[in-house]
Amino acid sequence: MFWWTMRSKLKSKDWRTIVEAEKKIVNSGARAVKPLIALLKNDSDLRWKASELLGEIGDTRAVKPLIALLEHADSDVREKAARSLGKIGDTQAVEPLVTALSDQNSGVREQAAEALGEIGDARAVGPLVEVLQNPPTKYGPSHLVAAEALGKIGGTGDARVMGLLVPMLEDHSLYVREKVAKALKLLGWHPANNTQRALFAIGYGAWDDLLSLGEAAVEPLVTLFTTVELSHREDFVVKVVPAMGGIGDARVVKPLADIAAYGCNRHVREVAAKSLQQVLNRTVEETTSEDLHIVANLTDEYTIEHGRRLGVGIDGEGIYEEITRTALSFSEVRQLARQELNRRGEEA
């Protein structure tokens, strides 16, 4: 009677009822395995949900029925089966999941790669390396998941893995760089030179390490801001920009000026302006005239606020005094740039 009730609740249109049923089934543990396996075979509406719940329970009796679902016609069912096999973590699933790395559906491929990483069997290394060796024009999600899976398997000592992952630290996607750095960390990789150290520090968010590299970090940072789209990553920019200011190299002046002028919001622009001043205080004489002209022409930002009420308009709306306030001033960096240009005999 209990299982018929739970089955009915899983089909409810009320999400609260569904969640309640899921919790009760998972909490029942091993007793739920056989009824859920029966749902895998006999209930097309709940097949994917049964697969998901079996993964949560983690009983190895579900492995073979879930493996069979990796060949199901419905890609959602295949995807859920792969995910649950990863959660259960039984090595029986390794070979079937390796086959699923070639599934026509990207979601299934990603879940198969992730599951292989969760299982952690060394037999998956070669197939996951093959995924990385055949990337599309831009690294797709399957390749990123494969990189993470290799990191989780760890300790492979396979030079092929390192040889494929390290160049991805220079990818045009910050997301790719972050995923690859995490995988390399898990694999115990050690950079061979300062450029690799800088690229890894950027991807991993190791700002103190980046600062310690000094001049060696400059080119990777400048390249980052000229090749990677960062407008949607305020969290990243407000951390890396102070590092650029701390390094204090004239080559970072233009990227900082660009962020100060065009950053995604005022907070980002303020952080960049502060770092820009920090750099110019130390390197204005080494800064190129071209970059100094950019700084000399930075425009202050203003806000207009309502002051006292002056009256009422014909539309009935209030009329207020407008007060203009400086929201972000570049006067100090402009002055530094203009003074240096004048010293060089150039017009600011």
Protein backbone atom coordinates (compact mmCIF):
# COMPACT_ATOMS: atom_id res chain seq x y z
CA MET A 1 0.00 0.00 0.00
CA PHE A 2 2.90 2.34 0.89
CA TRP A 3 4.44 2.04 -2.59
CA TRP A 4 1.20 2.65 -4.42
CA THR A 5 0.74 5.79 -2.32
CA MET A 6 4.28 6.96 -3.03
CA ARG A 7 3.88 6.23 -6.73
CA SER A 8 0.73 8.31 -6.81
CA LYS A 9 2.43 11.18 -4.98
CA LEU A 10 5.38 11.17 -7.37
CA LYS A 11 2.89 11.87 -10.17
CA SER A 12 1.28 14.73 -8.30
CA LYS A 13 1.16 18.21 -9.85
CA ASP A 14 2.04 19.72 -6.46
CA TRP A 15 5.84 19.99 -6.05
CA ARG A 16 5.58 19.86 -2.26
CA THR A 17 3.84 16.50 -2.46
CA ILE A 18 6.53 15.21 -4.83
CA VAL A 19 9.37 16.37 -2.58
CA GLU A 20 7.72 14.78 0.46
CA ALA A 21 7.38 11.46 -1.38
CA GLU A 22 11.00 11.58 -2.57
CA LYS A 23 12.28 12.11 0.97
CA LYS A 24 10.22 9.21 2.32
CA ILE A 25 11.41 6.88 -0.41
CA VAL A 26 15.09 7.77 0.02
CA ASN A 27 14.79 7.47 3.80
CA SER A 28 13.36 3.98 3.42
CA GLY A 29 16.73 2.97 1.96
CA ALA A 30 17.27 -0.60 0.81
CA ARG A 31 13.55 -1.43 1.07
CA ALA A 32 12.88 0.99 -1.78
CA VAL A 33 15.29 -0.55 -4.27
CA LYS A 34 13.12 -3.34 -5.70
CA PRO A 35 10.00 -1.19 -6.14
CA LEU A 36 12.06 1.52 -7.82
CA ILE A 37 13.70 -0.98 -10.16
CA ALA A 38 10.19 -2.13 -11.05
CA LEU A 39 9.31 1.47 -11.93
CA LEU A 40 12.40 1.63 -14.16
CA LYS A 41 11.04 -1.23 -16.20
CA ASN A 42 7.30 -0.67 -16.11
CA ASP A 43 6.46 3.02 -15.68
CA SER A 44 7.54 5.31 -18.51
CA ASP A 45 6.29 8.40 -16.67
CA LEU A 46 8.38 7.76 -13.57
CA ARG A 47 11.36 5.97 -15.11
CA TRP A 48 13.65 8.99 -14.90
CA LYS A 49 12.52 9.79 -11.36
CA ALA A 50 13.10 6.21 -10.23
CA SER A 51 16.57 6.39 -11.74
CA GLU A 52 17.29 9.59 -9.83
CA LEU A 53 16.08 8.15 -6.52
CA LEU A 54 18.12 4.97 -6.95
CA GLY A 55 21.18 7.14 -7.31
CA GLU A 56 20.33 8.92 -4.06
CA ILE A 57 19.90 5.61 -2.23
CA GLY A 58 23.17 4.25 -3.65
CA ASP A 59 22.39 0.52 -3.53
CA THR A 60 24.50 -1.56 -5.96
CA ARG A 61 21.49 -3.73 -6.87
CA ALA A 62 20.41 -0.83 -9.08
CA VAL A 63 23.62 -0.82 -11.14
CA LYS A 64 22.68 -3.34 -13.83
CA PRO A 65 19.15 -1.95 -14.41
CA LEU A 66 20.62 1.56 -14.67
CA ILE A 67 23.31 0.37 -17.09
CA ALA A 68 20.54 -1.02 -19.29
CA LEU A 69 18.95 2.46 -19.38
CA LEU A 70 22.09 3.93 -20.95
CA GLU A 71 20.72 2.55 -24.22
CA HIS A 72 17.18 3.88 -23.74
CA ALA A 73 15.68 5.89 -26.61
CA ASP A 74 14.94 8.88 -24.36
CA SER A 75 18.06 11.01 -23.80
CA ASP A 76 16.68 12.33 -20.48
CA VAL A 77 16.45 8.78 -19.19
CA ARG A 78 20.01 8.03 -20.36
CA GLU A 79 21.29 11.21 -18.70
CA LYS A 80 19.62 10.43 -15.35
CA ALA A 81 20.93 6.85 -15.47
CA ALA A 82 24.50 8.05 -16.03
CA ARG A 83 24.22 10.51 -13.17
CA SER A 84 22.88 7.88 -10.79
CA LEU A 85 25.61 5.41 -11.75
CA GLY A 86 28.16 8.04 -10.79
CA LYS A 87 26.51 8.54 -7.43
CA ILE A 88 26.44 4.82 -6.71
CA GLY A 89 30.11 4.58 -7.71
CA ASP A 90 30.25 0.90 -8.66
CA THR A 91 33.03 -0.05 -11.10
CA GLN A 92 30.68 -2.32 -13.08
CA ALA A 93 29.46 0.88 -14.74
CA VAL A 94 32.86 2.02 -16.05
CA GLU A 95 32.79 0.35 -19.49
CA PRO A 96 29.14 1.24 -20.23
CA LEU A 97 29.81 4.84 -19.19
CA VAL A 98 32.89 4.95 -21.43
CA THR A 99 30.62 3.93 -24.30
CA ALA A 100 28.21 6.72 -23.29
CA LEU A 101 31.02 9.27 -23.81
CA SER A 102 30.17 8.91 -27.50
CA ASP A 103 26.42 9.39 -27.05
CA GLN A 104 24.78 11.66 -29.64
CA ASN A 105 23.33 13.81 -26.84
CA SER A 106 25.69 16.29 -25.16
CA GLY A 107 23.91 16.06 -21.80
CA VAL A 108 24.44 12.31 -21.70
CA ARG A 109 28.12 12.71 -22.65
CA GLU A 110 28.62 15.23 -19.86
CA GLN A 111 26.94 13.06 -17.24
CA ALA A 112 28.93 10.02 -18.38
CA ALA A 113 32.20 11.95 -18.00
CA GLU A 114 31.15 13.29 -14.61
CA ALA A 115 30.12 9.82 -13.45
CA LEU A 116 33.47 8.36 -14.49
CA GLY A 117 35.17 11.02 -12.41
CA GLU A 118 33.01 10.15 -9.41
CA ILE A 119 33.75 6.43 -9.76
CA GLY A 120 37.48 7.18 -10.05
CA ASP A 121 38.55 4.08 -11.97
CA ALA A 122 41.84 4.44 -13.88
CA ARG A 123 40.32 2.62 -16.89
CA ALA A 124 38.48 5.84 -17.70
CA VAL A 125 41.68 7.89 -18.17
CA GLY A 126 42.36 6.87 -21.76
CA PRO A 127 38.79 7.48 -23.00
CA LEU A 128 38.61 10.82 -21.18
CA VAL A 129 41.92 11.86 -22.75
CA GLU A 130 40.45 11.01 -26.14
CA VAL A 131 37.57 13.41 -25.40
CA LEU A 132 40.09 16.18 -24.80
CA GLN A 133 42.07 15.27 -27.92
CA ASN A 134 39.05 15.89 -30.14
CA PRO A 135 37.78 19.32 -29.05
CA PRO A 136 35.35 21.40 -31.09
CA THR A 137 36.23 24.94 -32.17
CA LYS A 138 35.56 26.08 -28.63
CA TYR A 139 35.87 23.71 -25.71
CA GLY A 140 32.41 22.35 -25.08
CA PRO A 141 30.91 21.36 -21.74
CA SER A 142 31.81 17.70 -22.34
CA HIS A 143 35.47 18.64 -22.55
CA LEU A 144 35.33 20.66 -19.35
CA VAL A 145 33.61 17.84 -17.50
CA ALA A 146 36.19 15.42 -18.89
CA ALA A 147 38.95 17.67 -17.55
CA GLU A 148 37.30 17.74 -14.12
CA ALA A 149 36.80 13.99 -14.19
CA LEU A 150 40.49 13.43 -14.90
CA GLY A 151 41.27 15.69 -11.97
CA LYS A 152 39.01 13.65 -9.69
CA ILE A 153 40.51 10.35 -10.81
CA GLY A 154 43.90 11.92 -10.04
CA GLY A 155 47.33 10.43 -9.69
CA THR A 156 47.41 9.25 -13.29
CA GLY A 157 50.90 10.61 -14.00
CA ASP A 158 49.84 10.58 -17.65
CA ALA A 159 51.81 13.17 -19.63
CA ARG A 160 49.03 13.20 -22.24
CA VAL A 161 46.60 14.60 -19.68
CA MET A 162 48.93 17.41 -18.67
CA GLY A 163 49.83 18.15 -22.28
CA LEU A 164 46.17 18.64 -23.15
CA LEU A 165 45.08 20.54 -20.06
CA VAL A 166 47.92 23.05 -19.69
CA PRO A 167 47.26 24.90 -23.01
CA MET A 168 43.63 25.30 -21.93
CA LEU A 169 44.84 27.68 -19.19
CA GLU A 170 45.06 30.25 -22.01
CA ASP A 171 41.56 29.65 -23.34
CA HIS A 172 39.40 32.65 -24.31
CA SER A 173 36.82 31.55 -21.76
CA LEU A 174 37.46 32.32 -18.09
CA TYR A 175 35.12 29.46 -17.20
CA VAL A 176 37.37 27.03 -19.08
CA ARG A 177 40.47 28.41 -17.36
CA GLU A 178 38.91 27.99 -13.92
CA LYS A 179 37.77 24.42 -14.55
CA VAL A 180 41.13 23.38 -15.99
CA ALA A 181 43.09 24.98 -13.13
CA LYS A 182 40.96 23.04 -10.66
CA ALA A 183 41.60 19.79 -12.54
CA LEU A 184 45.35 20.43 -12.66
CA LYS A 185 45.37 21.13 -8.93
CA LEU A 186 43.66 17.82 -8.24
CA LEU A 187 46.16 16.04 -10.50
CA GLY A 188 49.08 17.44 -8.55
CA TRP A 189 50.49 19.31 -11.55
CA HIS A 190 53.42 21.67 -11.01
CA PRO A 191 54.05 24.60 -13.40
CA ALA A 192 57.26 24.40 -15.36
CA ASN A 193 57.91 28.16 -15.53
CA ASN A 194 56.66 31.52 -14.29
CA THR A 195 54.30 32.01 -17.23
CA GLN A 196 52.54 28.75 -16.36
CA ARG A 197 52.53 29.77 -12.71
CA ALA A 198 50.83 33.04 -13.61
CA LEU A 199 48.25 31.37 -15.85
CA PHE A 200 47.46 28.82 -13.16
CA ALA A 201 47.18 31.52 -10.47
CA ILE A 202 44.70 33.44 -12.66
CA GLY A 203 42.58 30.35 -13.29
CA TYR A 204 42.70 29.18 -9.69
CA GLY A 205 42.25 32.62 -8.16
CA ALA A 206 45.54 32.48 -6.26
CA TRP A 207 46.08 36.24 -6.09
CA ASP A 208 48.92 36.22 -3.55
CA ASP A 209 50.82 33.78 -5.74
CA LEU A 210 50.17 36.00 -8.74
CA LEU A 211 51.48 39.07 -6.94
CA SER A 212 54.61 37.23 -5.88
CA LEU A 213 55.50 36.62 -9.53
CA GLY A 214 55.84 40.34 -10.21
CA GLU A 215 56.83 41.12 -13.80
CA ALA A 216 56.26 37.53 -14.94
CA ALA A 217 52.53 37.99 -14.30
CA VAL A 218 52.15 41.09 -16.47
CA GLU A 219 51.86 39.61 -19.96
CA PRO A 220 49.37 36.88 -18.90
CA LEU A 221 47.27 39.58 -17.21
CA VAL A 222 47.36 41.96 -20.17
CA THR A 223 46.48 39.09 -22.52
CA LEU A 224 43.63 38.07 -20.21
CA PHE A 225 41.99 41.49 -20.47
CA THR A 226 42.47 41.75 -24.23
CA THR A 227 41.24 38.27 -25.20
CA VAL A 228 38.74 37.13 -22.54
CA GLU A 229 35.20 38.47 -22.15
CA LEU A 230 34.97 39.52 -18.51
CA SER A 231 32.04 41.95 -18.48
CA HIS A 232 29.79 39.40 -16.77
CA ARG A 233 32.33 38.47 -14.09
CA GLU A 234 32.39 41.29 -11.59
CA ASP A 235 33.43 38.85 -8.87
CA PHE A 236 36.59 38.00 -10.79
CA VAL A 237 37.45 41.49 -11.99
CA VAL A 238 37.32 43.12 -8.54
CA LYS A 239 39.86 40.55 -7.33
CA VAL A 240 42.29 40.55 -10.24
CA VAL A 241 42.37 44.35 -10.72
CA PRO A 242 43.96 45.03 -7.29
CA ALA A 243 46.56 42.40 -8.14
CA MET A 244 47.39 44.37 -11.28
CA GLY A 245 47.78 47.50 -9.16
CA GLY A 246 49.99 45.66 -6.71
CA ILE A 247 52.33 44.44 -9.44
CA GLY A 248 52.74 48.04 -10.61
CA ASP A 249 53.96 47.58 -14.17
CA ALA A 250 53.35 50.25 -16.82
CA ARG A 251 52.00 47.64 -19.23
CA VAL A 252 48.84 47.28 -17.15
CA VAL A 253 47.96 50.98 -17.46
CA LYS A 254 45.82 50.61 -20.61
CA PRO A 255 43.81 47.58 -19.39
CA LEU A 256 43.16 49.35 -16.09
CA ALA A 257 42.16 52.57 -17.86
CA ASP A 258 39.76 50.62 -20.07
CA ILE A 259 38.13 48.98 -17.04
CA ALA A 260 37.97 52.31 -15.22
CA ALA A 261 36.16 53.83 -18.20
CA TYR A 262 33.98 50.93 -19.36
CA GLY A 263 33.68 48.49 -16.44
CA CYS A 264 30.31 46.81 -15.97
CA ASN A 265 29.34 48.93 -12.95
CA ARG A 266 30.59 51.77 -10.80
CA HIS A 267 32.10 49.51 -8.17
CA VAL A 268 34.30 47.82 -10.78
CA ARG A 269 35.26 51.17 -12.26
CA GLU A 270 36.15 52.55 -8.82
CA VAL A 271 38.38 49.57 -8.06
CA ALA A 272 40.10 49.97 -11.43
CA ALA A 273 40.58 53.73 -10.92
CA LYS A 274 42.21 53.11 -7.55
CA SER A 275 44.58 50.52 -9.01
CA LEU A 276 45.32 52.78 -11.97
CA GLN A 277 46.44 55.58 -9.67
CA GLN A 278 48.54 53.11 -7.70
CA VAL A 279 50.33 52.02 -10.88
CA LEU A 280 50.82 55.52 -12.30
CA ASN A 281 52.30 56.79 -9.04
CA ARG A 282 55.09 54.27 -9.55
CA THR A 283 55.43 53.98 -13.32
CA VAL A 284 54.23 57.19 -14.99
CA GLU A 285 57.67 57.83 -16.52
CA GLU A 286 57.73 54.34 -18.07
CA THR A 287 54.17 54.52 -19.40
CA THR A 288 53.83 54.98 -23.16
CA SER A 289 52.56 58.29 -24.47
CA GLU A 290 49.70 56.46 -26.16
CA ASP A 291 48.53 55.06 -22.83
CA LEU A 292 49.04 58.39 -21.08
CA HIS A 293 46.75 60.07 -23.62
CA ILE A 294 44.06 57.50 -22.82
CA VAL A 295 44.36 58.29 -19.10
CA ALA A 296 44.52 62.05 -19.71
CA ASN A 297 41.15 61.89 -21.47
CA LEU A 298 39.25 59.85 -18.90
CA THR A 299 35.92 61.52 -18.13
CA ASP A 300 34.51 61.92 -14.63
CA GLU A 301 31.15 60.36 -13.83
CA TYR A 302 28.32 62.40 -12.38
CA THR A 303 24.97 61.70 -10.79
CA ILE A 304 21.96 63.99 -10.72
CA GLU A 305 19.99 63.99 -7.49
CA HIS A 306 16.77 65.67 -6.42
CA GLY A 307 17.17 68.61 -4.06
CA ARG A 308 14.44 70.73 -2.54
CA ARG A 309 10.95 70.73 -4.02
CA LEU A 310 10.33 73.74 -6.26
CA GLY A 311 6.70 73.23 -7.10
CA VAL A 312 4.26 71.13 -9.12
CA GLY A 313 4.22 70.67 -12.90
CA ILE A 314 1.16 70.80 -15.16
CA ASP A 315 1.05 67.01 -15.03
CA GLY A 316 0.74 67.10 -11.26
CA GLU A 317 4.20 65.69 -10.67
CA GLY A 318 6.61 67.44 -8.32
CA ILE A 319 9.38 69.64 -9.68
CA TYR A 320 12.67 69.40 -7.80
CA GLU A 321 15.98 71.20 -7.83
CA GLU A 322 18.60 69.10 -9.62
CA ILE A 323 21.95 68.68 -7.86
CA THR A 324 24.89 67.34 -9.83
CA ARG A 325 27.45 65.39 -7.84
CA THR A 326 30.72 63.77 -8.88
CA ALA A 327 30.32 60.01 -8.60
CA LEU A 328 33.74 58.95 -9.85
CA SER A 329 36.63 61.36 -10.33
CA PHE A 330 39.72 60.71 -12.45
CA SER A 331 41.24 64.11 -11.70
CA GLU A 332 44.34 62.77 -9.97
CA VAL A 333 45.28 60.22 -12.64
CA ARG A 334 44.47 62.73 -15.38
CA GLN A 335 46.81 65.22 -13.73
CA LEU A 336 49.60 62.64 -13.45
CA ALA A 337 49.22 61.73 -17.13
CA ARG A 338 49.06 65.34 -18.33
CA GLN A 339 52.06 66.41 -16.27
CA GLU A 340 54.14 63.60 -17.74
CA LEU A 341 53.00 64.41 -21.28
CA ASN A 342 53.90 68.06 -20.75
CA ARG A 343 57.32 67.02 -19.46
CA ARG A 344 57.81 65.11 -22.70
CA GLY A 345 56.78 68.18 -24.68
CA GLU A 346 53.53 66.59 -25.85
CA GLU A 347 50.08 68.12 -25.80
CA ALA A 348 47.75 66.35 -23.37
